[in-house]
Amino acid sequence: MTSGNNASNQTFEQHLKRLEDIAGQLDRSDVPLDTALALFEEGIKRLREASDTLTMAEGRLKELVERADGTLATTDGRPLKQEAGDADDD
């Protein structure tokens, strides 16, 4: 019935796709209560896993950002100040 058995081995995009599928199923009025509860539980699990993935990605971005000149800088989550030659005026 659900495809949540191996949810932790899936990508962020796969979690989002399944969450969209679950939301669509829950929007229907003919879903039995036990099915709706199982879908809701799976959705919560996938939402948490997708959120954890985003948190890890944010941490990685905070660690290092490569500047235009090839040097690396720590950002701590703040945007880097643009240096004179770094502006993108395209």
Protein backbone atom coordinates (compact mmCIF):
# COMPACT_ATOMS: atom_id res chain seq x y z
CA MET A 1 0.00 0.00 0.00
CA THR A 2 2.64 2.58 0.96
CA SER A 3 6.09 2.93 -0.48
CA GLY A 4 7.58 4.01 2.84
CA ASN A 5 9.46 0.80 3.57
CA ASN A 6 12.79 2.11 2.24
CA ALA A 7 12.11 5.81 2.66
CA SER A 8 15.43 6.53 4.38
CA ASN A 9 17.35 5.34 1.29
CA GLN A 10 15.66 7.84 -1.01
CA THR A 11 16.75 11.23 -2.26
CA PHE A 12 15.29 14.57 -1.23
CA GLU A 13 13.52 14.78 -4.60
CA GLN A 14 12.00 11.32 -4.16
CA HIS A 15 10.70 12.33 -0.74
CA LEU A 16 9.10 15.45 -2.22
CA LYS A 17 7.47 13.48 -5.03
CA ARG A 18 6.03 10.96 -2.56
CA LEU A 19 4.82 13.78 -0.30
CA GLU A 20 2.98 15.27 -3.29
CA ASP A 21 1.44 11.87 -4.02
CA ILE A 22 0.38 11.47 -0.39
CA ALA A 23 -1.16 14.96 -0.30
CA GLY A 24 -3.12 14.15 -3.45
CA GLN A 25 -4.44 10.93 -1.97
CA LEU A 26 -5.39 12.62 1.29
CA ASP A 27 -7.33 15.26 -0.65
CA ARG A 28 -9.70 12.61 -1.95
CA SER A 29 -12.89 12.09 -0.01
CA ASP A 30 -13.06 8.33 -0.61
CA VAL A 31 -9.90 7.37 1.33
CA PRO A 32 -10.68 5.06 4.26
CA LEU A 33 -9.66 6.35 7.67
CA ASP A 34 -7.03 3.65 8.30
CA THR A 35 -5.46 4.35 4.90
CA ALA A 36 -5.49 8.09 5.56
CA LEU A 37 -3.77 7.58 8.92
CA ALA A 38 -1.09 5.36 7.35
CA LEU A 39 -0.51 7.93 4.61
CA PHE A 40 -0.31 10.73 7.17
CA GLU A 41 2.27 8.80 9.22
CA GLU A 42 4.34 8.11 6.12
CA GLY A 43 4.11 11.76 5.16
CA ILE A 44 5.38 12.90 8.55
CA LYS A 45 8.31 10.47 8.32
CA ARG A 46 9.22 11.65 4.84
CA LEU A 47 8.85 15.29 5.82
CA ARG A 48 11.28 14.78 8.71
CA GLU A 49 13.78 12.97 6.49
CA ALA A 50 13.57 15.66 3.80
CA SER A 51 14.02 18.34 6.48
CA ASP A 52 17.07 16.52 7.86
CA THR A 53 18.54 16.40 4.35
CA LEU A 54 18.03 20.16 3.96
CA THR A 55 19.62 20.80 7.36
CA MET A 56 22.68 18.76 6.38
CA ALA A 57 22.96 20.60 3.06
CA GLU A 58 22.71 23.94 4.84
CA GLY A 59 25.52 22.87 7.17
CA ARG A 60 27.72 21.94 4.25
CA LEU A 61 27.05 25.31 2.61
CA LYS A 62 27.90 27.10 5.83
CA GLU A 63 31.25 25.32 5.99
CA LEU A 64 32.70 26.37 2.66
CA VAL A 65 31.90 28.61 -0.23
CA GLU A 66 34.23 28.98 -3.16
CA ARG A 67 34.88 32.54 -4.21
CA ALA A 68 35.21 33.59 -7.83
CA ASP A 69 39.02 33.66 -7.57
CA GLY A 70 39.08 30.01 -6.46
CA THR A 71 39.78 30.63 -2.79
CA LEU A 72 37.55 29.09 -0.16
CA ALA A 73 35.91 31.01 2.65
CA THR A 74 33.92 30.05 5.70
CA THR A 75 30.50 31.69 5.69
CA ASP A 76 28.84 30.58 8.94
CA GLY A 77 25.56 30.99 7.09
CA ARG A 78 26.11 34.67 6.29
CA PRO A 79 26.55 35.92 2.73
CA LEU A 80 30.13 36.73 1.85
CA LYS A 81 30.94 40.38 1.30
CA GLN A 82 31.56 40.97 -2.37
CA GLU A 83 35.03 42.18 -3.15
CA ALA A 84 35.70 44.78 -5.82
CA GLY A 85 36.26 42.25 -8.63
CA ASP A 86 33.54 39.80 -7.55
CA ALA A 87 30.43 41.78 -8.55
CA ASP A 88 28.13 40.17 -11.12
CA ASP A 89 26.85 43.04 -13.21
CA ASP A 90 25.62 40.95 -16.15
